[in-house]
């Protein structure tokens, strides 16, 4: 019997490929979580599962964004908006009805 064959060394080419996959995945997740680029002053209407930016002169415009809050649980979005932006009549959270902190749009009727 001969000496056992030593195990093969892992390929060093796999490390950069794995790092690239992780970086691209995180970047995609960040872009997905950030959602549409809605800013203060934009007018919006309800989309399927998101708000859609429309022109403020568009008859479809139902709300105007008066403020944006970050890291607010969706269940607390309306009281949080009212505390900072008293004119708020509605709020929209990227987090749906979750208790996880997310981005919140504070809205007034357009």
Protein backbone atom coordinates (compact mmCIF):
# COMPACT_ATOMS: atom_id res chain seq x y z
CA UNK A 1 0.00 0.00 0.00
CA UNK A 2 1.19 3.45 -0.83
CA UNK A 3 1.00 6.62 1.19
CA UNK A 4 -2.46 8.23 1.34
CA UNK A 5 -3.09 11.00 -1.14
CA UNK A 6 -3.19 14.39 0.63
CA UNK A 7 -6.51 16.24 0.37
CA UNK A 8 -6.80 18.73 -2.45
CA UNK A 9 -6.27 22.36 -1.48
CA UNK A 10 -9.28 24.59 -2.02
CA UNK A 11 -9.03 26.69 -5.12
CA UNK A 12 -8.07 30.29 -4.37
CA UNK A 13 -10.19 31.40 -7.33
CA UNK A 14 -13.35 30.54 -5.39
CA UNK A 15 -12.66 33.13 -2.67
CA UNK A 16 -12.93 36.23 -4.92
CA UNK A 17 -15.99 34.73 -6.62
CA UNK A 18 -17.68 34.12 -3.26
CA UNK A 19 -16.84 37.66 -2.11
CA UNK A 20 -18.29 39.09 -5.34
CA UNK A 21 -21.52 37.12 -4.87
CA UNK A 22 -21.89 38.37 -1.28
CA UNK A 23 -21.19 42.00 -2.24
CA UNK A 24 -23.67 41.92 -5.12
CA UNK A 25 -26.31 40.26 -2.94
CA UNK A 26 -25.97 42.90 -0.23
CA UNK A 27 -26.07 45.70 -2.80
CA UNK A 28 -29.22 44.23 -4.36
CA UNK A 29 -30.85 43.89 -0.96
CA UNK A 30 -30.05 47.50 -0.05
CA UNK A 31 -31.52 48.74 -3.32
CA UNK A 32 -34.59 46.57 -2.84
CA UNK A 33 -35.15 47.77 0.73
CA UNK A 34 -34.66 51.43 -0.16
CA UNK A 35 -37.51 51.15 -2.62
CA UNK A 36 -38.50 53.99 -4.90
CA UNK A 37 -36.71 57.32 -4.61
CA UNK A 38 -39.47 59.28 -2.92
CA UNK A 39 -38.46 62.68 -1.57
CA UNK A 40 -40.12 65.42 0.47
CA UNK A 41 -42.41 67.43 -1.83
CA UNK A 42 -43.13 64.51 -4.18
CA UNK A 43 -46.72 63.58 -4.88
CA UNK A 44 -47.65 59.92 -4.77
CA UNK A 45 -50.46 57.53 -5.47
CA UNK A 46 -51.03 53.99 -4.27
CA UNK A 47 -49.47 51.30 -6.42
CA UNK A 48 -49.96 47.55 -6.12
CA UNK A 49 -47.76 47.16 -3.01
CA UNK A 50 -45.90 50.45 -3.01
CA UNK A 51 -46.35 54.15 -3.51
CA UNK A 52 -45.76 55.52 -6.99
CA UNK A 53 -44.38 59.02 -7.58
CA UNK A 54 -46.60 61.07 -9.90
CA UNK A 55 -46.69 64.73 -10.84
CA UNK A 56 -48.49 66.91 -8.32
CA UNK A 57 -50.74 68.16 -11.15
CA UNK A 58 -51.67 64.55 -12.02
CA UNK A 59 -55.29 63.74 -11.02
CA UNK A 60 -53.99 60.40 -9.68
CA UNK A 61 -51.92 62.20 -7.01
CA UNK A 62 -53.54 61.36 -3.68
CA UNK A 63 -50.83 62.43 -1.21
CA UNK A 64 -47.83 64.72 -0.97
CA UNK A 65 -44.78 63.72 1.06
CA UNK A 66 -44.15 66.18 3.92
CA UNK A 67 -41.42 64.16 5.62
CA UNK A 68 -39.40 60.96 5.64
CA UNK A 69 -38.41 59.09 8.80
CA UNK A 70 -35.92 56.23 8.99
CA UNK A 71 -35.85 53.28 11.39
CA UNK A 72 -39.45 53.56 12.60
CA UNK A 73 -41.52 50.41 13.18
CA UNK A 74 -44.45 50.41 10.77
CA UNK A 75 -46.94 49.98 13.61
CA UNK A 76 -45.68 53.29 15.06
CA UNK A 77 -45.49 55.20 11.77
CA UNK A 78 -48.53 57.46 12.17
CA UNK A 79 -47.76 58.64 15.73
CA UNK A 80 -44.09 59.13 14.77
CA UNK A 81 -45.06 61.23 11.74
CA UNK A 82 -47.52 63.32 13.75
CA UNK A 83 -44.87 64.02 16.41
CA UNK A 84 -42.46 65.46 13.83
CA UNK A 85 -44.83 66.63 11.07
CA UNK A 86 -48.15 67.69 12.71
CA UNK A 87 -49.86 68.22 9.31
CA UNK A 88 -49.55 64.49 8.54
CA UNK A 89 -52.86 62.89 7.53
CA UNK A 90 -51.46 59.48 6.51
CA UNK A 91 -48.24 57.48 6.53
CA UNK A 92 -46.70 54.76 4.42
CA UNK A 93 -44.08 52.30 5.64
CA UNK A 94 -41.74 50.20 3.53
CA UNK A 95 -42.13 47.59 6.28
CA UNK A 96 -45.84 46.91 5.75
CA UNK A 97 -47.43 46.09 9.11
CA UNK A 98 -44.22 44.81 10.67
CA UNK A 99 -42.68 45.80 13.99
CA UNK A 100 -39.28 45.91 12.27
CA UNK A 101 -37.89 49.44 11.82
CA UNK A 102 -38.18 50.73 8.27
CA UNK A 103 -38.46 53.89 6.18
CA UNK A 104 -41.70 55.83 6.68
CA UNK A 105 -43.25 58.47 4.43
CA UNK A 106 -45.32 61.12 6.23
CA UNK A 107 -48.11 62.28 3.92
CA UNK A 108 -50.79 64.95 3.55
CA UNK A 109 -53.74 64.85 1.18
CA UNK A 110 -52.77 66.29 -2.21
